[in-house]
Amino acid sequence: MCTILIATRCAPDCPLFVVANRDESLVRPASAPALRRIEGMRVLAPRDERSGGSWLGLNEAGVFVAITNRFEVERRPHHRSRGELVWQALGKCSVEDALEHVRGLSPTDYGGFHLLVADSTRAQVIWSDGATLREEVLAPGYHALSERSFGAGPSKRLERLAQRLVGERELDDGLRRGLIETMAQRDGHDPFESTCVHMPALGYGTRSSTIVALGERGRFEYAAGPPCETAYESYAEELNALALKEAGVAS
């Protein structure tokens, strides 16, 4: 699973604002965000310590990458880790270079996925049903992405998020707080339809949540647990050290 809220080009001082929850096995090892290097590119990202790679990150060129799985696609023994896709894309110097790299891969090598690649000027999803790659350009505005996006399956969660985002105005402080609070909501009837998932009996749930903003009020914040009960920690020092190079992006 995983849920990602995206505000692309919704405010002059914040051309990209993302809040992303990672849903995963409670025992899968992972490390918190840190400054790392991928193919010479400096990156701020957490890390999956089982298979390598990551579920999201931001590089010094101002390229943000995040991934969800795709509900309808079964994982096969030969499939590679989807975290590789994020890691490889973060090593590229532009959205287009990252997309071009993924276009050159075989979708049959991975389980189904939705890969978001964005910067301050554009946002695009390249996704796979396990057999074919497809692409979706995100228009300026508010978007929600999950494992059931692009027809993968019905989702009350996505329906609620779509209703929440319809007609949203310019991205001001109140709206930013509202989007963050949305990611802490729980559905008492069906935990799988929550944005913040709690299923301890299955050893599964929301493991972390991340806030990333580009622009004059750039931010990178990380909650190392479900956001309904875990505070976000600021990574402002690491973001400043990343020294984003993209024009119009300040750290």
Protein backbone atom coordinates (compact mmCIF):
# COMPACT_ATOMS: atom_id res chain seq x y z
CA MET A 1 0.00 0.00 0.00
CA CYS A 2 1.00 3.65 0.58
CA THR A 3 -0.82 6.94 0.09
CA ILE A 4 0.65 10.06 -1.47
CA LEU A 5 -0.97 13.51 -1.59
CA ILE A 6 0.51 15.85 -4.19
CA ALA A 7 0.02 19.58 -4.66
CA THR A 8 1.81 20.58 -7.83
CA ARG A 9 2.14 24.25 -8.83
CA CYS A 10 -0.56 25.35 -6.37
CA ALA A 11 1.34 28.28 -4.79
CA PRO A 12 4.11 30.58 -6.03
CA ASP A 13 6.22 29.95 -2.93
CA CYS A 14 5.64 26.19 -2.98
CA PRO A 15 5.51 24.66 -6.47
CA LEU A 16 5.57 21.12 -5.04
CA PHE A 17 4.12 19.93 -1.75
CA VAL A 18 3.87 16.22 -0.95
CA VAL A 19 2.73 14.24 2.06
CA ALA A 20 3.39 10.49 1.76
CA ASN A 21 2.56 7.60 4.09
CA ARG A 22 4.47 4.34 3.78
CA ASP A 23 2.48 1.19 4.62
CA GLU A 24 4.62 -1.89 5.13
CA SER A 25 5.36 -4.92 7.30
CA LEU A 26 6.06 -3.76 10.84
CA VAL A 27 9.26 -5.81 11.02
CA ARG A 28 10.81 -4.84 7.68
CA PRO A 29 14.06 -3.01 8.54
CA ALA A 30 14.46 0.55 7.36
CA SER A 31 16.63 3.54 8.19
CA ALA A 32 15.58 7.17 8.55
CA PRO A 33 16.32 9.85 5.94
CA ALA A 34 19.96 10.76 5.52
CA LEU A 35 22.21 12.41 2.99
CA ARG A 36 23.45 9.75 0.58
CA ARG A 37 25.06 9.52 -2.86
CA ILE A 38 23.66 7.76 -5.90
CA GLU A 39 25.80 7.80 -9.04
CA GLY A 40 27.48 10.99 -7.79
CA MET A 41 24.14 12.67 -7.08
CA ARG A 42 23.51 13.83 -3.53
CA VAL A 43 20.19 12.59 -2.21
CA LEU A 44 18.12 12.98 0.94
CA ALA A 45 16.17 9.75 1.43
CA PRO A 46 15.28 6.98 3.85
CA ARG A 47 16.46 3.47 2.99
CA ASP A 48 14.96 -0.01 2.87
CA GLU A 49 17.53 -2.14 4.67
CA ARG A 50 16.16 -5.47 3.44
CA SER A 51 16.30 -5.06 -0.34
CA GLY A 52 18.02 -1.70 -0.69
CA GLY A 53 16.55 1.26 -2.48
CA SER A 54 13.87 3.47 -1.01
CA TRP A 55 10.21 4.43 -1.23
CA LEU A 56 10.88 8.16 -1.74
CA GLY A 57 13.56 10.82 -1.79
CA LEU A 58 14.75 14.19 -3.05
CA ASN A 59 17.98 14.83 -4.92
CA GLU A 60 20.16 17.92 -5.25
CA ALA A 61 18.74 18.64 -8.72
CA GLY A 62 15.34 19.19 -7.09
CA VAL A 63 13.87 15.93 -8.40
CA PHE A 64 11.45 14.22 -6.01
CA VAL A 65 10.60 10.53 -6.49
CA ALA A 66 8.10 8.32 -4.64
CA ILE A 67 6.46 4.96 -5.29
CA THR A 68 3.40 2.89 -4.41
CA ASN A 69 2.75 -0.67 -5.42
CA ARG A 70 -0.20 -1.60 -7.66
CA PHE A 71 -2.97 -3.63 -6.08
CA GLU A 72 -3.89 -5.90 -8.97
CA VAL A 73 -0.40 -7.25 -9.71
CA GLU A 74 0.90 -10.34 -7.91
CA ARG A 75 4.51 -10.35 -6.86
CA ARG A 76 6.52 -13.11 -8.57
CA PRO A 77 9.73 -14.80 -7.36
CA HIS A 78 11.77 -13.24 -10.17
CA HIS A 79 10.59 -9.69 -9.47
CA ARG A 80 13.21 -7.18 -8.45
CA SER A 81 12.67 -4.76 -5.60
CA ARG A 82 10.58 -1.76 -6.61
CA GLY A 83 12.76 0.32 -4.29
CA GLU A 84 15.41 0.07 -7.02
CA LEU A 85 13.20 2.20 -9.26
CA VAL A 86 13.18 5.05 -6.76
CA TRP A 87 16.91 4.74 -6.12
CA GLN A 88 17.81 4.73 -9.79
CA ALA A 89 15.50 7.65 -10.59
CA LEU A 90 17.00 9.70 -7.77
CA GLY A 91 20.38 9.33 -9.44
CA LYS A 92 19.18 11.31 -12.46
CA CYS A 93 19.56 15.06 -12.94
CA SER A 94 16.05 15.83 -14.24
CA VAL A 95 12.49 14.52 -14.30
CA GLU A 96 12.86 13.66 -17.97
CA ASP A 97 16.09 11.75 -17.44
CA ALA A 98 14.48 9.78 -14.61
CA LEU A 99 11.44 8.96 -16.75
CA GLU A 100 13.61 8.01 -19.70
CA HIS A 101 15.54 5.59 -17.51
CA VAL A 102 12.36 3.85 -16.33
CA ARG A 103 11.01 3.73 -19.89
CA GLY A 104 14.03 1.64 -20.80
CA LEU A 105 13.30 -1.04 -18.18
CA SER A 106 11.22 -4.16 -18.62
CA PRO A 107 7.98 -3.91 -16.60
CA THR A 108 7.93 -7.69 -16.24
CA ASP A 109 11.01 -7.46 -14.01
CA TYR A 110 9.00 -5.73 -11.27
CA GLY A 111 5.69 -6.03 -9.51
CA GLY A 112 3.14 -3.41 -10.48
CA PHE A 113 3.94 0.13 -9.37
CA HIS A 114 3.08 3.82 -9.62
CA LEU A 115 6.24 5.94 -9.68
CA LEU A 116 5.85 9.68 -9.09
CA VAL A 117 8.62 11.88 -10.48
CA ALA A 118 8.31 15.63 -9.94
CA ASP A 119 10.13 18.91 -9.51
CA SER A 120 9.09 22.55 -9.22
CA THR A 121 7.83 22.73 -12.81
CA ARG A 122 6.17 19.37 -13.53
CA ALA A 123 4.84 16.17 -12.02
CA GLN A 124 4.36 12.88 -13.79
CA VAL A 125 3.51 9.30 -12.88
CA ILE A 126 4.95 6.37 -14.81
CA TRP A 127 3.17 3.18 -13.85
CA SER A 128 3.08 -0.50 -14.64
CA ASP A 129 0.48 -3.25 -14.45
CA GLY A 130 3.29 -5.80 -14.56
CA ALA A 131 3.21 -6.07 -18.34
CA THR A 132 3.04 -2.56 -19.80
CA LEU A 133 4.35 0.86 -18.83
CA ARG A 134 1.98 3.82 -19.01
CA GLU A 135 2.35 7.49 -18.13
CA GLU A 136 0.13 10.16 -16.63
CA VAL A 137 1.02 13.86 -16.57
CA LEU A 138 -0.36 15.56 -13.46
CA ALA A 139 -1.96 18.92 -14.21
CA PRO A 140 -1.42 21.81 -11.80
CA GLY A 141 -3.57 21.09 -8.79
CA TYR A 142 -4.15 18.46 -6.11
CA HIS A 143 -3.80 14.72 -6.64
CA ALA A 144 -3.92 11.52 -4.57
CA LEU A 145 -1.98 8.39 -5.42
CA SER A 146 -2.30 4.91 -3.92
CA GLU A 147 -1.98 1.23 -4.80
CA ARG A 148 -5.46 1.38 -6.39
CA SER A 149 -4.90 4.37 -8.67
CA PHE A 150 -5.45 4.30 -12.44
CA GLY A 151 -8.15 1.64 -12.31
CA ALA A 152 -6.29 -0.90 -10.18
CA GLY A 153 -9.34 -1.38 -7.98
CA PRO A 154 -12.13 0.36 -6.04
CA SER A 155 -11.02 2.46 -3.08
CA LYS A 156 -13.11 4.33 -0.53
CA ARG A 157 -9.86 5.95 0.60
CA LEU A 158 -9.19 7.45 -2.83
CA GLU A 159 -12.82 8.50 -3.14
CA ARG A 160 -12.62 10.36 0.18
CA LEU A 161 -9.33 11.97 -0.78
CA ALA A 162 -10.72 13.05 -4.16
CA GLN A 163 -13.68 14.68 -2.43
CA ARG A 164 -11.31 16.34 0.01
CA LEU A 165 -9.20 17.81 -2.76
CA VAL A 166 -11.94 19.00 -5.13
CA GLY A 167 -11.96 22.74 -5.60
CA GLU A 168 -9.06 23.41 -3.27
CA ARG A 169 -7.76 26.94 -3.43
CA GLU A 170 -4.20 28.20 -3.41
CA LEU A 171 -1.97 26.25 -1.07
CA ASP A 172 -1.84 28.39 2.08
CA ASP A 173 -0.70 27.45 5.58
CA GLY A 174 -4.14 26.25 6.65
CA LEU A 175 -4.50 23.97 3.65
CA ARG A 176 -1.02 22.54 4.18
CA ARG A 177 -1.93 21.70 7.76
CA GLY A 178 -5.18 20.14 6.56
CA LEU A 179 -3.43 17.91 4.06
CA ILE A 180 -0.99 16.74 6.73
CA GLU A 181 -3.85 16.02 9.15
CA THR A 182 -5.64 14.03 6.45
CA MET A 183 -2.73 11.59 6.40
CA ALA A 184 -3.30 10.78 10.09
CA GLN A 185 -6.93 9.71 9.65
CA ARG A 186 -8.07 6.20 10.54
CA ASP A 187 -11.14 4.27 9.35
CA GLY A 188 -12.53 2.33 12.29
CA HIS A 189 -14.56 0.01 10.06
CA ASP A 190 -11.92 -0.90 7.48
CA PRO A 191 -8.27 -0.24 8.39
CA PHE A 192 -7.20 -0.87 4.80
CA GLU A 193 -9.26 2.17 3.75
CA SER A 194 -7.48 4.44 6.22
CA THR A 195 -4.78 6.85 5.18
CA CYS A 196 -3.07 5.87 8.44
CA VAL A 197 -3.24 2.08 8.62
CA HIS A 198 -3.13 0.08 11.87
CA MET A 199 -3.30 -3.71 11.56
CA PRO A 200 -1.04 -5.07 14.35
CA ALA A 201 -2.64 -8.52 14.21
CA LEU A 202 -1.30 -8.85 10.66
CA GLY A 203 2.02 -7.20 11.51
CA TYR A 204 1.24 -4.45 9.03
CA GLY A 205 0.53 -0.73 9.03
CA THR A 206 1.73 2.77 8.32
CA ARG A 207 5.42 2.73 9.17
CA SER A 208 6.31 6.36 8.45
CA SER A 209 5.12 9.61 6.92
CA THR A 210 7.10 12.25 5.04
CA ILE A 211 6.45 15.89 4.14
CA VAL A 212 8.43 17.43 1.28
CA ALA A 213 8.05 20.96 -0.03
CA LEU A 214 10.02 22.75 -2.71
CA GLY A 215 10.26 26.51 -3.12
CA GLU A 216 10.94 29.46 -0.88
CA ARG A 217 9.54 27.57 2.11
CA GLY A 218 11.23 24.28 1.40
CA ARG A 219 10.90 21.54 3.99
CA PHE A 220 11.65 17.88 4.55
CA GLU A 221 10.03 16.32 7.61
CA TYR A 222 9.76 12.69 8.62
CA ALA A 223 7.63 10.83 11.17
CA ALA A 224 9.24 7.49 12.05
CA GLY A 225 5.88 5.89 12.79
CA PRO A 226 2.17 6.37 12.06
CA PRO A 227 1.46 10.13 11.86
CA CYS A 228 -1.63 9.80 14.06
CA GLU A 229 0.68 9.19 17.02
CA THR A 230 4.19 10.17 15.86
CA ALA A 231 5.54 13.71 15.56
CA TYR A 232 7.33 14.83 12.40
CA GLU A 233 11.02 15.56 12.76
CA SER A 234 12.54 18.35 10.70
CA TYR A 235 15.43 17.58 8.37
CA ALA A 236 16.07 21.25 7.63
CA GLU A 237 19.80 20.88 8.26
CA GLU A 238 20.06 18.01 5.78
CA LEU A 239 17.91 19.87 3.26
CA ASN A 240 20.16 22.92 3.53
CA ALA A 241 23.21 20.70 3.07
CA LEU A 242 21.63 19.24 -0.05
CA ALA A 243 21.88 22.75 -1.56
CA LEU A 244 19.25 22.27 -4.24
CA LYS A 245 20.57 23.34 -7.62
CA GLU A 246 17.33 23.59 -9.57
CA ALA A 247 16.43 27.13 -10.60
CA GLY A 248 13.71 28.61 -8.43
CA VAL A 249 14.13 26.10 -5.63
CA ALA A 250 15.42 27.35 -2.32
CA SER A 251 16.31 25.23 0.67
